[in-house]
Amino acid sequence: RLYKQMTALDNVLTAMHPRAGYGLLGAFFHTPGYVRREAELKAEAL
């Protein structure tokens, strides 16, 4: 049960969403905290 139309990386990142730690506004406006946290999660997923 994979998300077959998503990349392998994005499949792993979906599981990290509950501990992303940023809110809707951060994701919408790409705040520095959002960008930093996304980079950390991407490195962990890789």
ModelCIF file with pLDDT and N, C-alpha, C, O atoms, coordinates in Angstrom:
data_MODEL
#
_entry.id   MODEL 
#
_entity.id                         1 
_entity.type                       polymer 
_entity.pdbx_number_of_molecules   1 
#
_entity_poly.entity_id                      1 
_entity_poly.type                           'polypeptide(L)' 
_entity_poly.nstd_linkage                   no 
_entity_poly.nstd_monomer                   no 
_entity_poly.pdbx_seq_one_letter_code       RLYKQMTALDNVLTAMHPRAGYGLLGAFFHTPGYVRREAELKAEAL 
_entity_poly.pdbx_seq_one_letter_code_can   RLYKQMTALDNVLTAMHPRAGYGLLGAFFHTPGYVRREAELKAEAL 
_entity_poly.pdbx_strand_id                 A 
#
loop_
_entity_poly_seq.entity_id 
_entity_poly_seq.num 
_entity_poly_seq.mon_id 
_entity_poly_seq.hetero 
1 1  ARG n 
1 2  LEU n 
1 3  TYR n 
1 4  LYS n 
1 5  GLN n 
1 6  MET n 
1 7  THR n 
1 8  ALA n 
1 9  LEU n 
1 10 ASP n 
1 11 ASN n 
1 12 VAL n 
1 13 LEU n 
1 14 THR n 
1 15 ALA n 
1 16 MET n 
1 17 HIS n 
1 18 PRO n 
1 19 ARG n 
1 20 ALA n 
1 21 GLY n 
1 22 TYR n 
1 23 GLY n 
1 24 LEU n 
1 25 LEU n 
1 26 GLY n 
1 27 ALA n 
1 28 PHE n 
1 29 PHE n 
1 30 HIS n 
1 31 THR n 
1 32 PRO n 
1 33 GLY n 
1 34 TYR n 
1 35 VAL n 
1 36 ARG n 
1 37 ARG n 
1 38 GLU n 
1 39 ALA n 
1 40 GLU n 
1 41 LEU n 
1 42 LYS n 
1 43 ALA n 
1 44 GLU n 
1 45 ALA n 
1 46 LEU n 
#
_struct_asym.id          A 
_struct_asym.entity_id   1 
#
loop_
_ma_qa_metric.id 
_ma_qa_metric.mode 
_ma_qa_metric.name 
_ma_qa_metric.software_group_id 
_ma_qa_metric.type 
1 global pLDDT . pLDDT 
2 local  pLDDT . pLDDT 
#
_ma_qa_metric_global.metric_id      1 
_ma_qa_metric_global.metric_value   93.76 
_ma_qa_metric_global.model_id       1 
_ma_qa_metric_global.ordinal_id     1 
#
loop_
_ma_qa_metric_local.label_asym_id 
_ma_qa_metric_local.label_comp_id 
_ma_qa_metric_local.label_seq_id 
_ma_qa_metric_local.metric_id 
_ma_qa_metric_local.metric_value 
_ma_qa_metric_local.model_id 
_ma_qa_metric_local.ordinal_id 
A ARG 1  2 94.00 1 1  
A LEU 2  2 97.00 1 2  
A TYR 3  2 96.00 1 3  
A LYS 4  2 96.00 1 4  
A GLN 5  2 97.00 1 5  
A MET 6  2 98.00 1 6  
A THR 7  2 98.00 1 7  
A ALA 8  2 98.00 1 8  
A LEU 9  2 98.00 1 9  
A ASP 10 2 98.00 1 10 
A ASN 11 2 98.00 1 11 
A VAL 12 2 98.00 1 12 
A LEU 13 2 97.00 1 13 
A THR 14 2 96.00 1 14 
A ALA 15 2 95.00 1 15 
A MET 16 2 95.00 1 16 
A HIS 17 2 88.00 1 17 
A PRO 18 2 87.00 1 18 
A ARG 19 2 89.00 1 19 
A ALA 20 2 88.00 1 20 
A GLY 21 2 88.00 1 21 
A TYR 22 2 89.00 1 22 
A GLY 23 2 88.00 1 23 
A LEU 24 2 87.00 1 24 
A LEU 25 2 90.00 1 25 
A GLY 26 2 89.00 1 26 
A ALA 27 2 87.00 1 27 
A PHE 28 2 88.00 1 28 
A PHE 29 2 90.00 1 29 
A HIS 30 2 91.00 1 30 
A THR 31 2 93.00 1 31 
A PRO 32 2 93.00 1 32 
A GLY 33 2 92.00 1 33 
A TYR 34 2 92.00 1 34 
A VAL 35 2 94.00 1 35 
A ARG 36 2 95.00 1 36 
A ARG 37 2 95.00 1 37 
A GLU 38 2 95.00 1 38 
A ALA 39 2 96.00 1 39 
A GLU 40 2 96.00 1 40 
A LEU 41 2 97.00 1 41 
A LYS 42 2 97.00 1 42 
A ALA 43 2 97.00 1 43 
A GLU 44 2 97.00 1 44 
A ALA 45 2 98.00 1 45 
A LEU 46 2 98.00 1 46 
#
loop_
_atom_site.group_PDB 
_atom_site.id 
_atom_site.type_symbol 
_atom_site.label_atom_id 
_atom_site.label_alt_id 
_atom_site.label_comp_id 
_atom_site.label_asym_id 
_atom_site.label_entity_id 
_atom_site.label_seq_id 
_atom_site.pdbx_PDB_ins_code 
_atom_site.Cartn_x 
_atom_site.Cartn_y 
_atom_site.Cartn_z 
_atom_site.occupancy 
_atom_site.B_iso_or_equiv 
_atom_site.pdbx_formal_charge 
_atom_site.auth_seq_id 
_atom_site.auth_comp_id 
_atom_site.auth_asym_id 
_atom_site.auth_atom_id 
_atom_site.pdbx_PDB_model_num 
ATOM 1   N N  . ARG A 1 1  ? 0.835  -1.192 0.000  1.00 94.00 ? 1  ARG A N  1 
ATOM 2   C CA . ARG A 1 1  ? 0.000  0.000  0.000  1.00 94.00 ? 1  ARG A CA 1 
ATOM 3   C C  . ARG A 1 1  ? 0.875  1.250  0.000  1.00 94.00 ? 1  ARG A C  1 
ATOM 4   O O  . ARG A 1 1  ? 0.968  1.966  0.997  1.00 94.00 ? 1  ARG A O  1 
ATOM 5   N N  . LEU A 1 2  ? 1.504  1.488  -1.129 1.00 97.00 ? 2  LEU A N  1 
ATOM 6   C CA . LEU A 1 2  ? 2.286  2.701  -1.318 1.00 97.00 ? 2  LEU A CA 1 
ATOM 7   C C  . LEU A 1 2  ? 1.445  3.734  -2.057 1.00 97.00 ? 2  LEU A C  1 
ATOM 8   O O  . LEU A 1 2  ? 0.438  3.404  -2.683 1.00 97.00 ? 2  LEU A O  1 
ATOM 9   N N  . TYR A 1 3  ? 1.879  5.001  -1.972 1.00 96.00 ? 3  TYR A N  1 
ATOM 10  C CA . TYR A 1 3  ? 1.306  6.042  -2.828 1.00 96.00 ? 3  TYR A CA 1 
ATOM 11  C C  . TYR A 1 3  ? 2.056  5.961  -4.161 1.00 96.00 ? 3  TYR A C  1 
ATOM 12  O O  . TYR A 1 3  ? 3.116  6.560  -4.337 1.00 96.00 ? 3  TYR A O  1 
ATOM 13  N N  . LYS A 1 4  ? 1.477  5.208  -5.083 1.00 96.00 ? 4  LYS A N  1 
ATOM 14  C CA . LYS A 1 4  ? 2.232  4.814  -6.278 1.00 96.00 ? 4  LYS A CA 1 
ATOM 15  C C  . LYS A 1 4  ? 2.509  5.965  -7.233 1.00 96.00 ? 4  LYS A C  1 
ATOM 16  O O  . LYS A 1 4  ? 3.435  5.882  -8.040 1.00 96.00 ? 4  LYS A O  1 
ATOM 17  N N  . GLN A 1 5  ? 1.726  7.038  -7.160 1.00 97.00 ? 5  GLN A N  1 
ATOM 18  C CA . GLN A 1 5  ? 1.963  8.183  -8.033 1.00 97.00 ? 5  GLN A CA 1 
ATOM 19  C C  . GLN A 1 5  ? 2.820  9.255  -7.373 1.00 97.00 ? 5  GLN A C  1 
ATOM 20  O O  . GLN A 1 5  ? 2.971  10.358 -7.898 1.00 97.00 ? 5  GLN A O  1 
ATOM 21  N N  . MET A 1 6  ? 3.380  8.915  -6.211 1.00 98.00 ? 6  MET A N  1 
ATOM 22  C CA . MET A 1 6  ? 4.321  9.806  -5.539 1.00 98.00 ? 6  MET A CA 1 
ATOM 23  C C  . MET A 1 6  ? 5.710  9.177  -5.592 1.00 98.00 ? 6  MET A C  1 
ATOM 24  O O  . MET A 1 6  ? 5.839  7.966  -5.774 1.00 98.00 ? 6  MET A O  1 
ATOM 25  N N  . THR A 1 7  ? 6.736  9.988  -5.436 1.00 98.00 ? 7  THR A N  1 
ATOM 26  C CA . THR A 1 7  ? 8.102  9.463  -5.468 1.00 98.00 ? 7  THR A CA 1 
ATOM 27  C C  . THR A 1 7  ? 8.379  8.634  -4.223 1.00 98.00 ? 7  THR A C  1 
ATOM 28  O O  . THR A 1 7  ? 7.657  8.706  -3.229 1.00 98.00 ? 7  THR A O  1 
ATOM 29  N N  . ALA A 1 8  ? 9.439  7.851  -4.304 1.00 98.00 ? 8  ALA A N  1 
ATOM 30  C CA . ALA A 1 8  ? 9.851  7.067  -3.141 1.00 98.00 ? 8  ALA A CA 1 
ATOM 31  C C  . ALA A 1 8  ? 10.149 7.985  -1.957 1.00 98.00 ? 8  ALA A C  1 
ATOM 32  O O  . ALA A 1 8  ? 9.782  7.680  -0.822 1.00 98.00 ? 8  ALA A O  1 
ATOM 33  N N  . LEU A 1 9  ? 10.815 9.110  -2.225 1.00 98.00 ? 9  LEU A N  1 
ATOM 34  C CA . LEU A 1 9  ? 11.134 10.058 -1.158 1.00 98.00 ? 9  LEU A CA 1 
ATOM 35  C C  . LEU A 1 9  ? 9.866  10.608 -0.514 1.00 98.00 ? 9  LEU A C  1 
ATOM 36  O O  . LEU A 1 9  ? 9.771  10.673 0.711  1.00 98.00 ? 9  LEU A O  1 
ATOM 37  N N  . ASP A 1 10 ? 8.895  11.001 -1.330 1.00 98.00 ? 10 ASP A N  1 
ATOM 38  C CA . ASP A 1 10 ? 7.664  11.573 -0.784 1.00 98.00 ? 10 ASP A CA 1 
ATOM 39  C C  . ASP A 1 10 ? 6.859  10.538 -0.012 1.00 98.00 ? 10 ASP A C  1 
ATOM 40  O O  . ASP A 1 10 ? 6.164  10.892 0.941  1.00 98.00 ? 10 ASP A O  1 
ATOM 41  N N  . ASN A 1 11 ? 6.935  9.268  -0.398 1.00 98.00 ? 11 ASN A N  1 
ATOM 42  C CA . ASN A 1 11 ? 6.264  8.225  0.369  1.00 98.00 ? 11 ASN A CA 1 
ATOM 43  C C  . ASN A 1 11 ? 6.800  8.166  1.791  1.00 98.00 ? 11 ASN A C  1 
ATOM 44  O O  . ASN A 1 11 ? 6.033  8.001  2.739  1.00 98.00 ? 11 ASN A O  1 
ATOM 45  N N  . VAL A 1 12 ? 8.106  8.300  1.943  1.00 98.00 ? 12 VAL A N  1 
ATOM 46  C CA . VAL A 1 12 ? 8.704  8.271  3.283  1.00 98.00 ? 12 VAL A CA 1 
ATOM 47  C C  . VAL A 1 12 ? 8.372  9.551  4.040  1.00 98.00 ? 12 VAL A C  1 
ATOM 48  O O  . VAL A 1 12 ? 8.108  9.510  5.242  1.00 98.00 ? 12 VAL A O  1 
ATOM 49  N N  . LEU A 1 13 ? 8.384  10.676 3.353  1.00 97.00 ? 13 LEU A N  1 
ATOM 50  C CA . LEU A 1 13 ? 8.094  11.947 4.007  1.00 97.00 ? 13 LEU A CA 1 
ATOM 51  C C  . LEU A 1 13 ? 6.673  12.009 4.557  1.00 97.00 ? 13 LEU A C  1 
ATOM 52  O O  . LEU A 1 13 ? 6.437  12.663 5.573  1.00 97.00 ? 13 LEU A O  1 
ATOM 53  N N  . THR A 1 14 ? 5.721  11.338 3.904  1.00 96.00 ? 14 THR A N  1 
ATOM 54  C CA . THR A 1 14 ? 4.338  11.365 4.395  1.00 96.00 ? 14 THR A CA 1 
ATOM 55  C C  . THR A 1 14 ? 4.254  10.813 5.819  1.00 96.00 ? 14 THR A C  1 
ATOM 56  O O  . THR A 1 14 ? 3.450  11.282 6.625  1.00 96.00 ? 14 THR A O  1 
ATOM 57  N N  . ALA A 1 15 ? 5.077  9.826  6.121  1.00 95.00 ? 15 ALA A N  1 
ATOM 58  C CA . ALA A 1 15 ? 5.036  9.225  7.460  1.00 95.00 ? 15 ALA A CA 1 
ATOM 59  C C  . ALA A 1 15 ? 5.604  10.154 8.524  1.00 95.00 ? 15 ALA A C  1 
ATOM 60  O O  . ALA A 1 15 ? 5.364  9.943  9.712  1.00 95.00 ? 15 ALA A O  1 
ATOM 61  N N  . MET A 1 16 ? 6.350  11.175 8.122  1.00 95.00 ? 16 MET A N  1 
ATOM 62  C CA . MET A 1 16 ? 6.969  12.096 9.071  1.00 95.00 ? 16 MET A CA 1 
ATOM 63  C C  . MET A 1 16 ? 6.080  13.289 9.398  1.00 95.00 ? 16 MET A C  1 
ATOM 64  O O  . MET A 1 16 ? 6.414  14.091 10.270 1.00 95.00 ? 16 MET A O  1 
ATOM 65  N N  . HIS A 1 17 ? 4.959  13.412 8.712  1.00 88.00 ? 17 HIS A N  1 
ATOM 66  C CA . HIS A 1 17 ? 4.113  14.598 8.865  1.00 88.00 ? 17 HIS A CA 1 
ATOM 67  C C  . HIS A 1 17 ? 3.696  14.871 10.311 1.00 88.00 ? 17 HIS A C  1 
ATOM 68  O O  . HIS A 1 17 ? 3.725  16.027 10.733 1.00 88.00 ? 17 HIS A O  1 
ATOM 69  N N  . PRO A 1 18 ? 3.306  13.843 11.095 1.00 87.00 ? 18 PRO A N  1 
ATOM 70  C CA . PRO A 1 18 ? 2.846  14.143 12.462 1.00 87.00 ? 18 PRO A CA 1 
ATOM 71  C C  . PRO A 1 18 ? 3.898  14.802 13.348 1.00 87.00 ? 18 PRO A C  1 
ATOM 72  O O  . PRO A 1 18 ? 3.544  15.451 14.333 1.00 87.00 ? 18 PRO A O  1 
ATOM 73  N N  . ARG A 1 19 ? 5.171  14.653 13.025 1.00 89.00 ? 19 ARG A N  1 
ATOM 74  C CA . ARG A 1 19 ? 6.202  15.278 13.857 1.00 89.00 ? 19 ARG A CA 1 
ATOM 75  C C  . ARG A 1 19 ? 6.933  16.407 13.115 1.00 89.00 ? 19 ARG A C  1 
ATOM 76  O O  . ARG A 1 19 ? 8.058  16.763 13.462 1.00 89.00 ? 19 ARG A O  1 
ATOM 77  N N  . ALA A 1 20 ? 6.271  16.963 12.085 1.00 88.00 ? 20 ALA A N  1 
ATOM 78  C CA . ALA A 1 20 ? 6.890  18.064 11.341 1.00 88.00 ? 20 ALA A CA 1 
ATOM 79  C C  . ALA A 1 20 ? 7.061  19.292 12.232 1.00 88.00 ? 20 ALA A C  1 
ATOM 80  O O  . ALA A 1 20 ? 8.097  19.955 12.188 1.00 88.00 ? 20 ALA A O  1 
ATOM 81  N N  . GLY A 1 21 ? 6.040  19.596 13.044 1.00 88.00 ? 21 GLY A N  1 
ATOM 82  C CA . GLY A 1 21 ? 6.195  20.660 14.024 1.00 88.00 ? 21 GLY A CA 1 
ATOM 83  C C  . GLY A 1 21 ? 5.820  22.045 13.559 1.00 88.00 ? 21 GLY A C  1 
ATOM 84  O O  . GLY A 1 21 ? 5.783  22.960 14.382 1.00 88.00 ? 21 GLY A O  1 
ATOM 85  N N  . TYR A 1 22 ? 5.541  22.252 12.288 1.00 89.00 ? 22 TYR A N  1 
ATOM 86  C CA . TYR A 1 22 ? 5.139  23.580 11.815 1.00 89.00 ? 22 TYR A CA 1 
ATOM 87  C C  . TYR A 1 22 ? 3.631  23.578 11.531 1.00 89.00 ? 22 TYR A C  1 
ATOM 88  O O  . TYR A 1 22 ? 3.023  22.525 11.338 1.00 89.00 ? 22 TYR A O  1 
ATOM 89  N N  . GLY A 1 23 ? 3.055  24.755 11.510 1.00 88.00 ? 23 GLY A N  1 
ATOM 90  C CA . GLY A 1 23 ? 1.620  24.880 11.289 1.00 88.00 ? 23 GLY A CA 1 
ATOM 91  C C  . GLY A 1 23 ? 1.285  25.221 9.854  1.00 88.00 ? 23 GLY A C  1 
ATOM 92  O O  . GLY A 1 23 ? 2.154  25.266 8.984  1.00 88.00 ? 23 GLY A O  1 
ATOM 93  N N  . LEU A 1 24 ? -0.004 25.462 9.624  1.00 87.00 ? 24 LEU A N  1 
ATOM 94  C CA . LEU A 1 24 ? -0.500 25.757 8.286  1.00 87.00 ? 24 LEU A CA 1 
ATOM 95  C C  . LEU A 1 24 ? 0.101  27.040 7.732  1.00 87.00 ? 24 LEU A C  1 
ATOM 96  O O  . LEU A 1 24 ? 0.460  27.103 6.556  1.00 87.00 ? 24 LEU A O  1 
ATOM 97  N N  . LEU A 1 25 ? 0.213  28.062 8.574  1.00 90.00 ? 25 LEU A N  1 
ATOM 98  C CA . LEU A 1 25 ? 0.758  29.330 8.098  1.00 90.00 ? 25 LEU A CA 1 
ATOM 99  C C  . LEU A 1 25 ? 2.218  29.186 7.686  1.00 90.00 ? 25 LEU A C  1 
ATOM 100 O O  . LEU A 1 25 ? 2.644  29.739 6.672  1.00 90.00 ? 25 LEU A O  1 
ATOM 101 N N  . GLY A 1 26 ? 2.983  28.436 8.485  1.00 89.00 ? 26 GLY A N  1 
ATOM 102 C CA . GLY A 1 26 ? 4.378  28.212 8.137  1.00 89.00 ? 26 GLY A CA 1 
ATOM 103 C C  . GLY A 1 26 ? 4.522  27.509 6.807  1.00 89.00 ? 26 GLY A C  1 
ATOM 104 O O  . GLY A 1 26 ? 5.379  27.865 5.998  1.00 89.00 ? 26 GLY A O  1 
ATOM 105 N N  . ALA A 1 27 ? 3.670  26.491 6.573  1.00 87.00 ? 27 ALA A N  1 
ATOM 106 C CA . ALA A 1 27 ? 3.727  25.761 5.305  1.00 87.00 ? 27 ALA A CA 1 
ATOM 107 C C  . ALA A 1 27 ? 3.288  26.640 4.145  1.00 87.00 ? 27 ALA A C  1 
ATOM 108 O O  . ALA A 1 27 ? 3.837  26.546 3.048  1.00 87.00 ? 27 ALA A O  1 
ATOM 109 N N  . PHE A 1 28 ? 2.293  27.500 4.387  1.00 88.00 ? 28 PHE A N  1 
ATOM 110 C CA . PHE A 1 28 ? 1.767  28.349 3.315  1.00 88.00 ? 28 PHE A CA 1 
ATOM 111 C C  . PHE A 1 28 ? 2.758  29.430 2.897  1.00 88.00 ? 28 PHE A C  1 
ATOM 112 O O  . PHE A 1 28 ? 2.954  29.689 1.710  1.00 88.00 ? 28 PHE A O  1 
ATOM 113 N N  . PHE A 1 29 ? 3.384  30.059 3.905  1.00 90.00 ? 29 PHE A N  1 
ATOM 114 C CA . PHE A 1 29 ? 4.287  31.179 3.621  1.00 90.00 ? 29 PHE A CA 1 
ATOM 115 C C  . PHE A 1 29 ? 5.754  30.776 3.544  1.00 90.00 ? 29 PHE A C  1 
ATOM 116 O O  . PHE A 1 29 ? 6.621  31.620 3.312  1.00 90.00 ? 29 PHE A O  1 
ATOM 117 N N  . HIS A 1 30 ? 6.040  29.465 3.741  1.00 91.00 ? 30 HIS A N  1 
ATOM 118 C CA . HIS A 1 30 ? 7.427  28.987 3.676  1.00 91.00 ? 30 HIS A CA 1 
ATOM 119 C C  . HIS A 1 30 ? 8.335  29.813 4.587  1.00 91.00 ? 30 HIS A C  1 
ATOM 120 O O  . HIS A 1 30 ? 9.330  30.390 4.151  1.00 91.00 ? 30 HIS A O  1 
ATOM 121 N N  . THR A 1 31 ? 7.962  29.848 5.850  1.00 93.00 ? 31 THR A N  1 
ATOM 122 C CA . THR A 1 31 ? 8.749  30.584 6.836  1.00 93.00 ? 31 THR A CA 1 
ATOM 123 C C  . THR A 1 31 ? 10.112 29.921 7.022  1.00 93.00 ? 31 THR A C  1 
ATOM 124 O O  . THR A 1 31 ? 10.292 28.766 6.636  1.00 93.00 ? 31 THR A O  1 
ATOM 125 N N  . PRO A 1 32 ? 11.077 30.638 7.610  1.00 93.00 ? 32 PRO A N  1 
ATOM 126 C CA . PRO A 1 32 ? 12.393 30.026 7.846  1.00 93.00 ? 32 PRO A CA 1 
ATOM 127 C C  . PRO A 1 32 ? 12.311 28.730 8.659  1.00 93.00 ? 32 PRO A C  1 
ATOM 128 O O  . PRO A 1 32 ? 13.040 27.774 8.393  1.00 93.00 ? 32 PRO A O  1 
ATOM 129 N N  . GLY A 1 33 ? 11.417 28.709 9.652  1.00 92.00 ? 33 GLY A N  1 
ATOM 130 C CA . GLY A 1 33 ? 11.258 27.487 10.440 1.00 92.00 ? 33 GLY A CA 1 
ATOM 131 C C  . GLY A 1 33 ? 10.753 26.327 9.617  1.00 92.00 ? 33 GLY A C  1 
ATOM 132 O O  . GLY A 1 33 ? 11.189 25.189 9.794  1.00 92.00 ? 33 GLY A O  1 
ATOM 133 N N  . TYR A 1 34 ? 9.828  26.619 8.713  1.00 92.00 ? 34 TYR A N  1 
ATOM 134 C CA . TYR A 1 34 ? 9.306  25.582 7.814  1.00 92.00 ? 34 TYR A CA 1 
ATOM 135 C C  . TYR A 1 34 ? 10.409 25.056 6.903  1.00 92.00 ? 34 TYR A C  1 
ATOM 136 O O  . TYR A 1 34 ? 10.574 23.846 6.749  1.00 92.00 ? 34 TYR A O  1 
ATOM 137 N N  . VAL A 1 35 ? 11.157 25.967 6.303  1.00 94.00 ? 35 VAL A N  1 
ATOM 138 C CA . VAL A 1 35 ? 12.220 25.564 5.365  1.00 94.00 ? 35 VAL A CA 1 
ATOM 139 C C  . VAL A 1 35 ? 13.275 24.728 6.081  1.00 94.00 ? 35 VAL A C  1 
ATOM 140 O O  . VAL A 1 35 ? 13.741 23.723 5.545  1.00 94.00 ? 35 VAL A O  1 
ATOM 141 N N  . ARG A 1 36 ? 13.652 25.137 7.284  1.00 95.00 ? 36 ARG A N  1 
ATOM 142 C CA . ARG A 1 36 ? 14.658 24.404 8.053  1.00 95.00 ? 36 ARG A CA 1 
ATOM 143 C C  . ARG A 1 36 ? 14.162 23.004 8.412  1.00 95.00 ? 36 ARG A C  1 
ATOM 144 O O  . ARG A 1 36 ? 14.884 22.018 8.268  1.00 95.00 ? 36 ARG A O  1 
ATOM 145 N N  . ARG A 1 37 ? 12.911 22.938 8.885  1.00 95.00 ? 37 ARG A N  1 
ATOM 146 C CA . ARG A 1 37 ? 12.370 21.638 9.295  1.00 95.00 ? 37 ARG A CA 1 
ATOM 147 C C  . ARG A 1 37 ? 12.197 20.710 8.104  1.00 95.00 ? 37 ARG A C  1 
ATOM 148 O O  . ARG A 1 37 ? 12.462 19.512 8.214  1.00 95.00 ? 37 ARG A O  1 
ATOM 149 N N  . GLU A 1 38 ? 11.762 21.233 6.980  1.00 95.00 ? 38 GLU A N  1 
ATOM 150 C CA . GLU A 1 38 ? 11.615 20.410 5.778  1.00 95.00 ? 38 GLU A CA 1 
ATOM 151 C C  . GLU A 1 38 ? 12.961 19.840 5.333  1.00 95.00 ? 38 GLU A C  1 
ATOM 152 O O  . GLU A 1 38 ? 13.040 18.691 4.898  1.00 95.00 ? 38 GLU A O  1 
ATOM 153 N N  . ALA A 1 39 ? 14.004 20.633 5.442  1.00 96.00 ? 39 ALA A N  1 
ATOM 154 C CA . ALA A 1 39 ? 15.347 20.158 5.078  1.00 96.00 ? 39 ALA A CA 1 
ATOM 155 C C  . ALA A 1 39 ? 15.785 19.031 6.010  1.00 96.00 ? 39 ALA A C  1 
ATOM 156 O O  . ALA A 1 39 ? 16.393 18.057 5.567  1.00 96.00 ? 39 ALA A O  1 
ATOM 157 N N  . GLU A 1 40 ? 15.474 19.164 7.308  1.00 96.00 ? 40 GLU A N  1 
ATOM 158 C CA . GLU A 1 40 ? 15.828 18.112 8.269  1.00 96.00 ? 40 GLU A CA 1 
ATOM 159 C C  . GLU A 1 40 ? 15.085 16.814 7.968  1.00 96.00 ? 40 GLU A C  1 
ATOM 160 O O  . GLU A 1 40 ? 15.679 15.736 7.988  1.00 96.00 ? 40 GLU A O  1 
ATOM 161 N N  . LEU A 1 41 ? 13.784 16.920 7.690  1.00 97.00 ? 41 LEU A N  1 
ATOM 162 C CA . LEU A 1 41 ? 12.990 15.725 7.399  1.00 97.00 ? 41 LEU A CA 1 
ATOM 163 C C  . LEU A 1 41 ? 13.436 15.071 6.097  1.00 97.00 ? 41 LEU A C  1 
ATOM 164 O O  . LEU A 1 41 ? 13.489 13.845 6.001  1.00 97.00 ? 41 LEU A O  1 
ATOM 165 N N  . LYS A 1 42 ? 13.752 15.880 5.108  1.00 97.00 ? 42 LYS A N  1 
ATOM 166 C CA . LYS A 1 42 ? 14.213 15.324 3.832  1.00 97.00 ? 42 LYS A CA 1 
ATOM 167 C C  . LYS A 1 42 ? 15.527 14.564 4.012  1.00 97.00 ? 42 LYS A C  1 
ATOM 168 O O  . LYS A 1 42 ? 15.711 13.493 3.435  1.00 97.00 ? 42 LYS A O  1 
ATOM 169 N N  . ALA A 1 43 ? 16.438 15.118 4.813  1.00 97.00 ? 43 ALA A N  1 
ATOM 170 C CA . ALA A 1 43 ? 17.714 14.444 5.067  1.00 97.00 ? 43 ALA A CA 1 
ATOM 171 C C  . ALA A 1 43 ? 17.483 13.120 5.776  1.00 97.00 ? 43 ALA A C  1 
ATOM 172 O O  . ALA A 1 43 ? 18.143 12.127 5.470  1.00 97.00 ? 43 ALA A O  1 
ATOM 173 N N  . GLU A 1 44 ? 16.536 13.098 6.733  1.00 97.00 ? 44 GLU A N  1 
ATOM 174 C CA . GLU A 1 44 ? 16.232 11.862 7.450  1.00 97.00 ? 44 GLU A CA 1 
ATOM 175 C C  . GLU A 1 44 ? 15.603 10.832 6.514  1.00 97.00 ? 44 GLU A C  1 
ATOM 176 O O  . GLU A 1 44 ? 15.933 9.648  6.577  1.00 97.00 ? 44 GLU A O  1 
ATOM 177 N N  . ALA A 1 45 ? 14.693 11.289 5.643  1.00 98.00 ? 45 ALA A N  1 
ATOM 178 C CA . ALA A 1 45 ? 14.042 10.380 4.701  1.00 98.00 ? 45 ALA A CA 1 
ATOM 179 C C  . ALA A 1 45 ? 15.047 9.785  3.720  1.00 98.00 ? 45 ALA A C  1 
ATOM 180 O O  . ALA A 1 45 ? 14.977 8.599  3.399  1.00 98.00 ? 45 ALA A O  1 
ATOM 181 N N  . LEU A 1 46 ? 15.976 10.606 3.248  1.00 98.00 ? 46 LEU A N  1 
ATOM 182 C CA . LEU A 1 46 ? 17.009 10.107 2.336  1.00 98.00 ? 46 LEU A CA 1 
ATOM 183 C C  . LEU A 1 46 ? 17.904 9.095  3.037  1.00 98.00 ? 46 LEU A C  1 
ATOM 184 O O  . LEU A 1 46 ? 18.833 8.565  2.426  1.00 98.00 ? 46 LEU A O  1 
#
